[in-house]
Amino acid sequence: MQIIDYFELLIGLFPALFVIVIMYIWSANYRDGFSALLRMIVQLLLVGYLLTFLFESENSILILAVLLTMVLASSWIALRTVKEHRTKLLKHTIFSVFIGGGIILTIITQGVLSVNPWFDPQYIIPLGGMIFANAMNSVSLCSERYLSELNKGVSEKKARATAYQTSLIPIVNSLFAVGLVSLPGMMTGQILSGVSPLIAVRYQIMVMCMVFASAGFASALFLISSKSIYRTINQTD
């Protein structure tokens, strides 16, 4: 696999910076885009060094602490769409992401991959990251849409159905498009590193099922657990 040096990486950054320029010219909140881009770069560079250390670790408590940090961070970020109610909904989001994502992570690592030891960071951390990130995105869409529907005067049952369907739109679109429109990142990375496409496909099927299930579980748990909170919020508003 070809190694990308920092100069080559800088070349790849130019198109993204050009988008920031377009956002600035069109008054499209370029600060948010630039901050997100800068934060992504810093976070990934730092996590690269951190993962090098973690992959050599044999401390299960440390790995669990990393997963818990992922859950807490993703739960907080998920509620960006309903910032004014963040504190009320946070515990429900943590519960949903932790339980919904944790179940899927356990099934994949222990049932499908038979990871040994069970906390092997080379598997647990990347897979946990994908699972909790998808749960985060799903809950984020779900929380905003559920509140929006209730504010329109829609019944709780219909609002729940609409919110749940909305939360799954990105991953359902990905399921339709994979293989026809796009080759997902994990599959592409494996092929570039020399893995047989037939083996890469199996891993990608596992990943797509994993992210679909984690998103669906987390959103369902969120809607069930936060029902009374949303009812109170809607009455107050």
Foldseek 3Di string as FASTA:
>chain_A
DDDQDPVNVVVVCVVLVVVLVVCVVVVVPSVVSVVVVVVVVVVVVVVVVVLVVVLPDPDLVVLVVLLLVLLLVLLQVLCPLPVVCSVVQSVLLSVLLCVLLVVLLCCCQCVPVNDPPSSNVVRNVVLSNLLSNLLSQLSSQLVNQLLVCVLVVHDNVVSLVVSLVRSLVVLVVCVVPDPPPDPDDQLVVCVVVPHDSVVSVVVVVSSSVSSNRSSNRSSVSSSVVCVVVSVVVSVVD
